[in-house]
Amino acid sequence: MQQTPLTDWHREHHGRLVDFAGWEMPVQYTTIVQEHHAVRKQAGLFDISHMGRLYFNGEGAARFLDYVTTIPITVMQPGKIRYALATNEQGGIQDDILVYRQEDGFLVVVNASNREKIVSSWGKIAGQFDDVSLMDKTLSTGMIALQGPEAFSILKELGCEELSGLNYYRFIETTLLDTSVTISRTGYTGEDGFEIIAENEQILPLWEKILQAGQGRRAVVCGLGCRDTLRLEAGMPLYGHELSETTDPLTAGLNFAVSLKKENFLGRDVLLQISEQSPEKCRVGLELEGRRIAREETPILNESEKQIGKVTSGTFSPTLEKSIAMGYAPVEFSAVGTKLLISFRGKIVTASVVELPFYRRNKKSR
């Protein structure tokens, strides 16, 4: 298994390590619920070094990325970040990604499970464009995320005054604690927060100093377990669950990240046809009666107890204290308030379609 620059630290501090997409990652330190509440109320620090970090340079880089992603890349301004989909020729989702527009190129952050696939497939396509270079810095850099309502205050105490002017989905390349870093106002928890990239040897000192600065604000270290419950409450799709090569972004409800006005990108014609005909099914949020958790592949039934879909992710929400789930159902069953049924191996539980996201943070001034 691959190890991050913090693996030894996780082991020394009794993190429960598991194999995640070929990486040895901490799933929790205390309990998932405790870590979840810390992020919602204070702040949590995550090791996300398993995420892929791909750098693209050259005069053809913008045109290349414009072709392999669903958003207009060529008009992006330096310092901005866009959520996008990498699609295949059939319009299916190869990955959901973040594209950073640097002064002299691009950084694309991809999911750990899809990094090698993206590097391989995009590497072949890049050869069709003049002057495009790809550098995979995943193994030479680390990435950590500080998430929660106290995240801004903690980093500001460490002397990063530039964060005061950093809006959501923006990034800066700066110095933090005498270390060259890329800091973005992004995250995967539904809370305010930041993601920080630095060279491998600098990640541990940054991690420890951020934790030390966060002690007075009750910041804690967190594992991937609460990262999943947090993103589910926030209605954020996860690759391998809500997203896949056979799921298109329009069916997944990610229309905001698809620009069909672009002249050409992988899968555009298929997506244009889906858009014109309207998708037959869509991603829905479900609130279940009781405390039982609907896991992936749990059948979704209509009121006549006929299966109409499947759950893709489910949990008992620590914040809302309700059983929630996401899944796919025919469009005619997607209206908020629609009553559906969840089948737990013969035991039927009532569920209601609810608006996504399940949870929205209370925004406060910085």
Protein backbone atom coordinates (compact mmCIF):
# COMPACT_ATOMS: atom_id res chain seq x y z
CA MET A 1 0.00 0.00 0.00
CA GLN A 2 1.03 3.58 -0.60
CA GLN A 3 1.75 5.67 2.48
CA THR A 4 1.30 9.41 2.99
CA PRO A 5 3.88 11.69 4.64
CA LEU A 6 1.75 11.34 7.81
CA THR A 7 1.28 7.57 7.98
CA ASP A 8 3.79 7.09 10.80
CA TRP A 9 2.14 9.93 12.74
CA HIS A 10 -1.29 8.31 12.32
CA ARG A 11 0.06 5.01 13.62
CA GLU A 12 1.82 6.61 16.58
CA HIS A 13 -1.38 8.45 17.54
CA HIS A 14 -3.55 5.34 17.35
CA GLY A 15 -5.38 6.11 14.15
CA ARG A 16 -7.26 3.09 12.86
CA LEU A 17 -5.58 2.48 9.50
CA VAL A 18 -7.31 0.81 6.56
CA ASP A 19 -6.66 0.19 2.88
CA PHE A 20 -8.39 2.94 0.92
CA ALA A 21 -7.85 2.89 -2.85
CA GLY A 22 -4.42 1.36 -2.32
CA TRP A 23 -3.40 3.86 0.37
CA GLU A 24 -2.95 3.21 4.09
CA MET A 25 -5.31 5.80 5.54
CA PRO A 26 -6.84 6.54 8.97
CA VAL A 27 -10.57 5.88 9.12
CA GLN A 28 -10.93 7.25 12.67
CA TYR A 29 -9.07 8.17 15.86
CA THR A 30 -11.83 8.33 18.49
CA THR A 31 -15.30 7.72 17.08
CA ILE A 32 -16.75 8.80 13.77
CA VAL A 33 -19.56 10.65 15.54
CA GLN A 34 -17.19 12.58 17.83
CA GLU A 35 -14.99 13.61 14.91
CA HIS A 36 -18.06 14.51 12.84
CA HIS A 37 -19.40 16.85 15.54
CA ALA A 38 -15.97 18.45 15.97
CA VAL A 39 -15.95 19.47 12.30
CA ARG A 40 -19.49 20.82 12.46
CA LYS A 41 -18.87 22.78 15.69
CA GLN A 42 -15.14 23.54 15.83
CA ALA A 43 -12.60 22.19 13.34
CA GLY A 44 -11.15 18.93 12.11
CA LEU A 45 -7.82 18.23 10.42
CA PHE A 46 -7.70 15.56 7.70
CA ASP A 47 -4.87 13.88 5.84
CA ILE A 48 -6.01 13.81 2.20
CA SER A 49 -2.62 13.13 0.64
CA HIS A 50 -4.11 10.14 -1.17
CA MET A 51 -5.88 12.52 -3.56
CA GLY A 52 -4.14 12.82 -6.93
CA ARG A 53 -2.36 16.06 -7.81
CA LEU A 54 -1.72 16.43 -11.54
CA TYR A 55 -0.02 19.50 -13.01
CA PHE A 56 -0.49 20.55 -16.64
CA ASN A 57 1.67 23.08 -18.44
CA GLY A 58 2.35 24.28 -21.97
CA GLU A 59 0.48 26.45 -24.43
CA GLY A 60 -1.86 23.58 -25.28
CA ALA A 61 -2.79 22.73 -21.68
CA ALA A 62 -5.95 24.86 -21.58
CA ARG A 63 -7.24 23.49 -24.89
CA PHE A 64 -6.49 19.94 -23.78
CA LEU A 65 -8.30 20.30 -20.44
CA ASP A 66 -11.17 22.02 -22.23
CA TYR A 67 -11.59 18.82 -24.25
CA VAL A 68 -11.38 16.27 -21.44
CA THR A 69 -13.57 18.12 -18.91
CA THR A 70 -17.14 19.44 -18.88
CA ILE A 71 -16.40 23.08 -18.03
CA PRO A 72 -14.94 25.99 -20.06
CA ILE A 73 -11.28 25.89 -19.08
CA THR A 74 -9.85 28.45 -21.51
CA VAL A 75 -11.72 31.35 -19.86
CA MET A 76 -10.62 30.52 -16.29
CA GLN A 77 -8.70 33.26 -14.51
CA PRO A 78 -5.62 32.59 -12.34
CA GLY A 79 -6.49 31.94 -8.70
CA LYS A 80 -9.85 30.37 -9.48
CA ILE A 81 -10.99 26.78 -8.95
CA ARG A 82 -13.81 24.97 -10.73
CA TYR A 83 -15.55 21.70 -9.92
CA ALA A 84 -15.76 19.62 -13.09
CA LEU A 85 -16.33 16.13 -14.46
CA ALA A 86 -13.92 14.12 -16.54
CA THR A 87 -16.16 12.26 -18.97
CA ASN A 88 -15.69 9.39 -21.40
CA GLU A 89 -16.92 9.23 -24.99
CA GLN A 90 -20.26 7.82 -23.82
CA GLY A 91 -20.83 10.75 -21.45
CA GLY A 92 -20.10 8.63 -18.36
CA ILE A 93 -18.15 10.09 -15.46
CA GLN A 94 -14.49 9.04 -15.29
CA ASP A 95 -14.01 11.18 -12.20
CA ASP A 96 -15.18 14.34 -10.48
CA ILE A 97 -12.30 16.76 -10.14
CA LEU A 98 -11.16 20.21 -9.08
CA VAL A 99 -9.33 22.35 -11.64
CA TYR A 100 -7.03 25.09 -10.31
CA ARG A 101 -6.00 27.84 -12.75
CA GLN A 102 -2.41 28.79 -11.95
CA GLU A 103 -0.51 31.71 -13.45
CA ASP A 104 1.44 29.43 -15.77
CA GLY A 105 -0.62 26.25 -15.93
CA PHE A 106 -3.18 24.10 -14.15
CA LEU A 107 -3.46 21.81 -11.16
CA VAL A 108 -6.11 19.08 -11.32
CA VAL A 109 -7.02 17.26 -8.10
CA VAL A 110 -8.51 13.82 -8.76
CA ASN A 111 -9.81 10.98 -6.60
CA ALA A 112 -7.26 8.47 -5.34
CA SER A 113 -9.12 5.53 -6.88
CA ASN A 114 -9.08 7.17 -10.32
CA ARG A 115 -5.64 8.75 -10.49
CA GLU A 116 -3.89 6.02 -12.47
CA LYS A 117 -6.87 5.71 -14.84
CA ILE A 118 -6.92 9.47 -15.47
CA VAL A 119 -3.15 9.68 -15.96
CA SER A 120 -3.30 6.81 -18.46
CA SER A 121 -6.31 7.92 -20.48
CA TRP A 122 -5.47 11.62 -20.46
CA GLY A 123 -1.84 10.87 -21.27
CA LYS A 124 -2.93 9.20 -24.50
CA ILE A 125 -5.21 12.08 -25.47
CA ALA A 126 -2.62 14.74 -24.61
CA GLY A 127 -0.52 13.46 -27.49
CA GLN A 128 -3.15 14.84 -29.87
CA PHE A 129 -2.48 18.38 -28.63
CA ASP A 130 0.59 20.50 -29.23
CA ASP A 131 2.68 21.53 -26.23
CA VAL A 132 1.02 19.80 -23.26
CA SER A 133 3.02 18.39 -20.37
CA LEU A 134 1.62 16.36 -17.47
CA MET A 135 3.46 15.97 -14.17
CA ASP A 136 1.99 13.71 -11.48
CA LYS A 137 3.19 15.11 -8.13
CA THR A 138 0.97 12.93 -5.95
CA LEU A 139 3.88 11.00 -4.45
CA SER A 140 6.19 13.98 -3.96
CA THR A 141 3.66 16.25 -2.23
CA GLY A 142 1.15 15.96 0.58
CA MET A 143 -2.30 17.47 1.10
CA ILE A 144 -4.18 18.22 4.30
CA ALA A 145 -7.59 19.76 4.96
CA LEU A 146 -8.68 21.93 7.90
CA GLN A 147 -12.47 22.04 7.97
CA GLY A 148 -15.01 23.64 10.27
CA PRO A 149 -16.22 27.03 11.54
CA GLU A 150 -12.94 27.64 13.40
CA ALA A 151 -10.69 26.78 10.44
CA PHE A 152 -10.23 30.38 9.29
CA SER A 153 -9.36 31.62 12.77
CA ILE A 154 -6.82 28.85 13.33
CA LEU A 155 -4.92 29.53 10.11
CA LYS A 156 -5.08 33.28 10.66
CA GLU A 157 -3.40 32.80 14.05
CA LEU A 158 -0.54 31.13 12.18
CA GLY A 159 0.10 34.37 10.32
CA CYS A 160 -1.64 33.74 6.99
CA GLU A 161 -3.30 37.17 6.70
CA GLU A 162 -3.90 36.64 2.97
CA LEU A 163 -6.77 34.31 3.82
CA SER A 164 -8.93 37.32 4.73
CA GLY A 165 -9.43 38.04 1.04
CA LEU A 166 -9.68 34.44 -0.12
CA ASN A 167 -13.21 33.61 -1.28
CA TYR A 168 -14.78 30.18 -1.69
CA TYR A 169 -13.29 28.18 -4.58
CA ARG A 170 -10.24 30.42 -4.79
CA PHE A 171 -6.61 29.60 -3.97
CA ILE A 172 -3.29 31.29 -3.33
CA GLU A 173 0.30 30.15 -3.63
CA THR A 174 1.99 31.63 -0.60
CA THR A 175 4.16 30.99 2.45
CA LEU A 176 2.76 29.50 5.64
CA LEU A 177 5.12 28.99 8.59
CA ASP A 178 8.11 29.55 6.27
CA THR A 179 6.82 26.84 3.93
CA SER A 180 5.77 27.27 0.29
CA VAL A 181 2.16 26.09 0.05
CA THR A 182 -0.92 26.15 -2.11
CA ILE A 183 -3.97 27.00 0.02
CA SER A 184 -7.49 26.72 -1.37
CA ARG A 185 -10.82 27.58 0.22
CA THR A 186 -12.38 24.25 -0.62
CA GLY A 187 -13.45 21.07 1.13
CA TYR A 188 -15.66 18.02 1.17
CA THR A 189 -17.55 18.44 4.42
CA GLY A 190 -20.18 21.13 3.87
CA GLU A 191 -18.27 23.45 6.21
CA ASP A 192 -15.97 26.38 5.62
CA GLY A 193 -12.41 25.22 5.34
CA PHE A 194 -9.11 25.04 3.54
CA GLU A 195 -7.00 22.47 1.72
CA ILE A 196 -3.23 22.83 1.81
CA ILE A 197 -0.63 21.32 -0.53
CA ALA A 198 3.10 21.26 0.23
CA GLU A 199 6.20 19.18 -0.44
CA ASN A 200 6.30 15.86 1.45
CA GLU A 201 8.96 16.90 3.95
CA GLN A 202 6.94 19.97 4.97
CA ILE A 203 3.60 18.25 5.62
CA LEU A 204 4.37 16.85 9.10
CA PRO A 205 5.63 20.18 10.53
CA LEU A 206 2.58 21.97 9.08
CA TRP A 207 0.24 19.30 10.46
CA GLU A 208 1.67 19.52 13.97
CA LYS A 209 1.73 23.32 14.07
CA ILE A 210 -1.87 23.56 12.84
CA LEU A 211 -2.95 21.05 15.49
CA GLN A 212 -1.09 23.00 18.16
CA ALA A 213 -2.71 26.27 17.05
CA GLY A 214 -6.11 24.59 17.06
CA GLN A 215 -5.93 23.24 20.60
CA GLY A 216 -7.56 26.33 22.09
CA ARG A 217 -10.42 26.01 19.61
CA ARG A 218 -10.88 22.29 20.26
CA ALA A 219 -9.71 21.20 16.79
CA VAL A 220 -9.22 17.45 16.42
CA VAL A 221 -7.65 15.05 13.96
CA CYS A 222 -10.19 13.21 11.83
CA GLY A 223 -10.32 10.11 9.68
CA LEU A 224 -12.07 9.18 6.47
CA GLY A 225 -15.07 7.80 8.37
CA CYS A 226 -16.47 11.17 9.37
CA ARG A 227 -15.41 12.65 6.05
CA ASP A 228 -17.99 10.32 4.50
CA THR A 229 -20.82 11.18 6.92
CA LEU A 230 -20.06 14.89 6.56
CA ARG A 231 -20.12 14.83 2.75
CA LEU A 232 -23.32 12.79 2.75
CA GLU A 233 -25.09 15.30 4.99
CA ALA A 234 -23.90 18.00 2.57
CA GLY A 235 -25.38 16.06 -0.37
CA MET A 236 -22.00 15.69 -2.07
CA PRO A 237 -21.67 12.70 -4.43
CA LEU A 238 -18.87 10.18 -4.01
CA TYR A 239 -17.17 8.42 -6.89
CA GLY A 240 -17.90 4.71 -6.81
CA HIS A 241 -21.24 5.36 -5.15
CA GLU A 242 -23.24 8.18 -6.80
CA LEU A 243 -20.79 8.58 -9.68
CA SER A 244 -19.39 6.04 -12.14
CA GLU A 245 -18.38 5.43 -15.75
CA THR A 246 -21.97 4.40 -16.50
CA THR A 247 -23.57 7.43 -14.82
CA ASP A 248 -23.76 10.71 -16.70
CA PRO A 249 -23.47 14.07 -14.91
CA LEU A 250 -26.97 15.24 -15.88
CA THR A 251 -28.60 12.19 -14.33
CA ALA A 252 -26.39 12.76 -11.28
CA GLY A 253 -27.77 16.28 -10.91
CA LEU A 254 -24.46 17.96 -11.70
CA ASN A 255 -25.77 20.17 -14.51
CA PHE A 256 -23.99 23.19 -12.97
CA ALA A 257 -20.67 21.55 -13.83
CA VAL A 258 -21.51 20.84 -17.48
CA SER A 259 -21.25 23.47 -20.22
CA LEU A 260 -23.02 22.12 -23.29
CA LYS A 261 -22.30 25.44 -25.01
CA LYS A 262 -18.70 24.35 -25.47
CA GLU A 263 -18.07 23.30 -29.05
CA ASN A 264 -16.51 19.99 -28.16
CA PHE A 265 -15.55 17.79 -25.23
CA LEU A 266 -15.54 14.07 -24.58
CA GLY A 267 -19.12 12.80 -24.48
CA ARG A 268 -20.70 16.16 -25.37
CA ASP A 269 -22.98 14.80 -28.12
CA VAL A 270 -24.34 12.09 -25.83
CA LEU A 271 -24.92 14.58 -23.02
CA LEU A 272 -26.60 17.01 -25.40
CA GLN A 273 -29.01 14.26 -26.45
CA ILE A 274 -29.73 13.38 -22.81
CA SER A 275 -30.34 17.05 -22.06
CA GLU A 276 -32.77 17.43 -24.94
CA GLN A 277 -34.71 14.31 -23.98
CA SER A 278 -34.37 14.86 -20.20
CA PRO A 279 -32.85 12.11 -18.01
CA GLU A 280 -35.10 9.17 -17.13
CA LYS A 281 -33.84 8.99 -13.54
CA CYS A 282 -32.12 11.30 -11.10
CA ARG A 283 -30.24 11.42 -7.82
CA VAL A 284 -32.55 11.91 -4.84
CA GLY A 285 -32.18 12.54 -1.14
CA LEU A 286 -34.13 10.28 1.20
CA GLU A 287 -35.07 10.60 4.86
CA LEU A 288 -36.00 7.28 6.45
CA GLU A 289 -38.25 6.56 9.38
CA GLY A 290 -36.41 5.12 12.37
CA ARG A 291 -32.66 4.71 12.84
CA ARG A 292 -31.88 1.90 10.42
CA ILE A 293 -29.16 2.72 7.86
CA ALA A 294 -29.80 2.07 4.17
CA ARG A 295 -26.49 0.85 2.76
CA GLU A 296 -25.35 0.89 -0.86
CA GLU A 297 -27.48 -1.33 -3.15
CA THR A 298 -30.46 -1.33 -0.75
CA PRO A 299 -33.61 -1.45 -2.96
CA ILE A 300 -35.85 1.61 -3.27
CA LEU A 301 -39.51 0.71 -3.85
CA ASN A 302 -42.63 2.63 -4.82
CA GLU A 303 -45.74 2.45 -2.65
CA SER A 304 -46.83 -0.68 -4.54
CA GLU A 305 -43.58 -2.29 -3.32
CA LYS A 306 -42.13 -2.50 -6.83
CA GLN A 307 -38.39 -1.79 -7.00
CA ILE A 308 -37.68 1.47 -8.83
CA GLY A 309 -34.08 2.17 -7.80
CA LYS A 310 -31.22 1.59 -5.40
CA VAL A 311 -29.52 3.43 -2.58
CA THR A 312 -25.99 4.62 -3.36
CA SER A 313 -24.99 5.96 0.09
CA GLY A 314 -26.65 6.01 3.50
CA THR A 315 -25.91 6.82 7.13
CA PHE A 316 -27.49 7.89 10.39
CA SER A 317 -26.84 11.63 10.36
CA PRO A 318 -25.03 12.72 13.55
CA THR A 319 -26.05 16.35 12.97
CA LEU A 320 -29.71 15.82 12.07
CA GLU A 321 -30.17 12.64 14.13
CA LYS A 322 -32.04 11.04 11.25
CA SER A 323 -31.40 8.18 8.86
CA ILE A 324 -30.56 9.67 5.47
CA ALA A 325 -29.57 8.27 2.09
CA MET A 326 -28.96 9.16 -1.53
CA GLY A 327 -29.88 7.03 -4.49
CA TYR A 328 -31.31 7.01 -7.98
CA ALA A 329 -35.00 6.85 -8.82
CA PRO A 330 -37.15 7.59 -11.89
CA VAL A 331 -37.80 11.31 -12.35
CA GLU A 332 -41.53 10.85 -11.66
CA PHE A 333 -40.66 9.77 -8.11
CA SER A 334 -38.19 12.59 -7.41
CA ALA A 335 -40.45 15.41 -6.19
CA VAL A 336 -39.80 16.55 -2.63
CA GLY A 337 -42.35 14.93 -0.33
CA THR A 338 -42.81 11.81 -2.44
CA LYS A 339 -43.31 8.74 -0.24
CA LEU A 340 -41.14 5.75 -1.08
CA LEU A 341 -40.19 2.50 0.61
CA ILE A 342 -36.81 1.03 1.52
CA SER A 343 -36.49 -2.75 1.56
CA PHE A 344 -34.17 -4.23 4.20
CA ARG A 345 -34.20 -7.88 3.10
CA GLY A 346 -37.95 -8.06 3.32
CA LYS A 347 -38.52 -5.54 6.11
CA ILE A 348 -40.08 -2.38 4.64
CA VAL A 349 -39.33 1.10 5.99
CA THR A 350 -41.01 4.29 4.80
CA ALA A 351 -38.88 7.07 3.32
CA SER A 352 -39.58 10.56 2.01
CA VAL A 353 -37.82 12.37 -0.81
CA VAL A 354 -36.21 15.51 0.63
CA GLU A 355 -34.29 18.43 -0.84
CA LEU A 356 -30.53 18.12 -1.17
CA PRO A 357 -28.34 18.94 0.63
CA PHE A 358 -29.63 17.50 3.88
CA TYR A 359 -27.50 20.01 5.82
CA ARG A 360 -26.50 23.62 5.11
CA ARG A 361 -24.01 25.44 7.29
CA ASN A 362 -24.76 28.79 8.89
CA LYS A 363 -22.46 31.24 7.17
CA LYS A 364 -20.78 33.83 9.36
CA SER A 365 -18.56 36.75 8.60
CA ARG A 366 -14.81 36.19 8.64
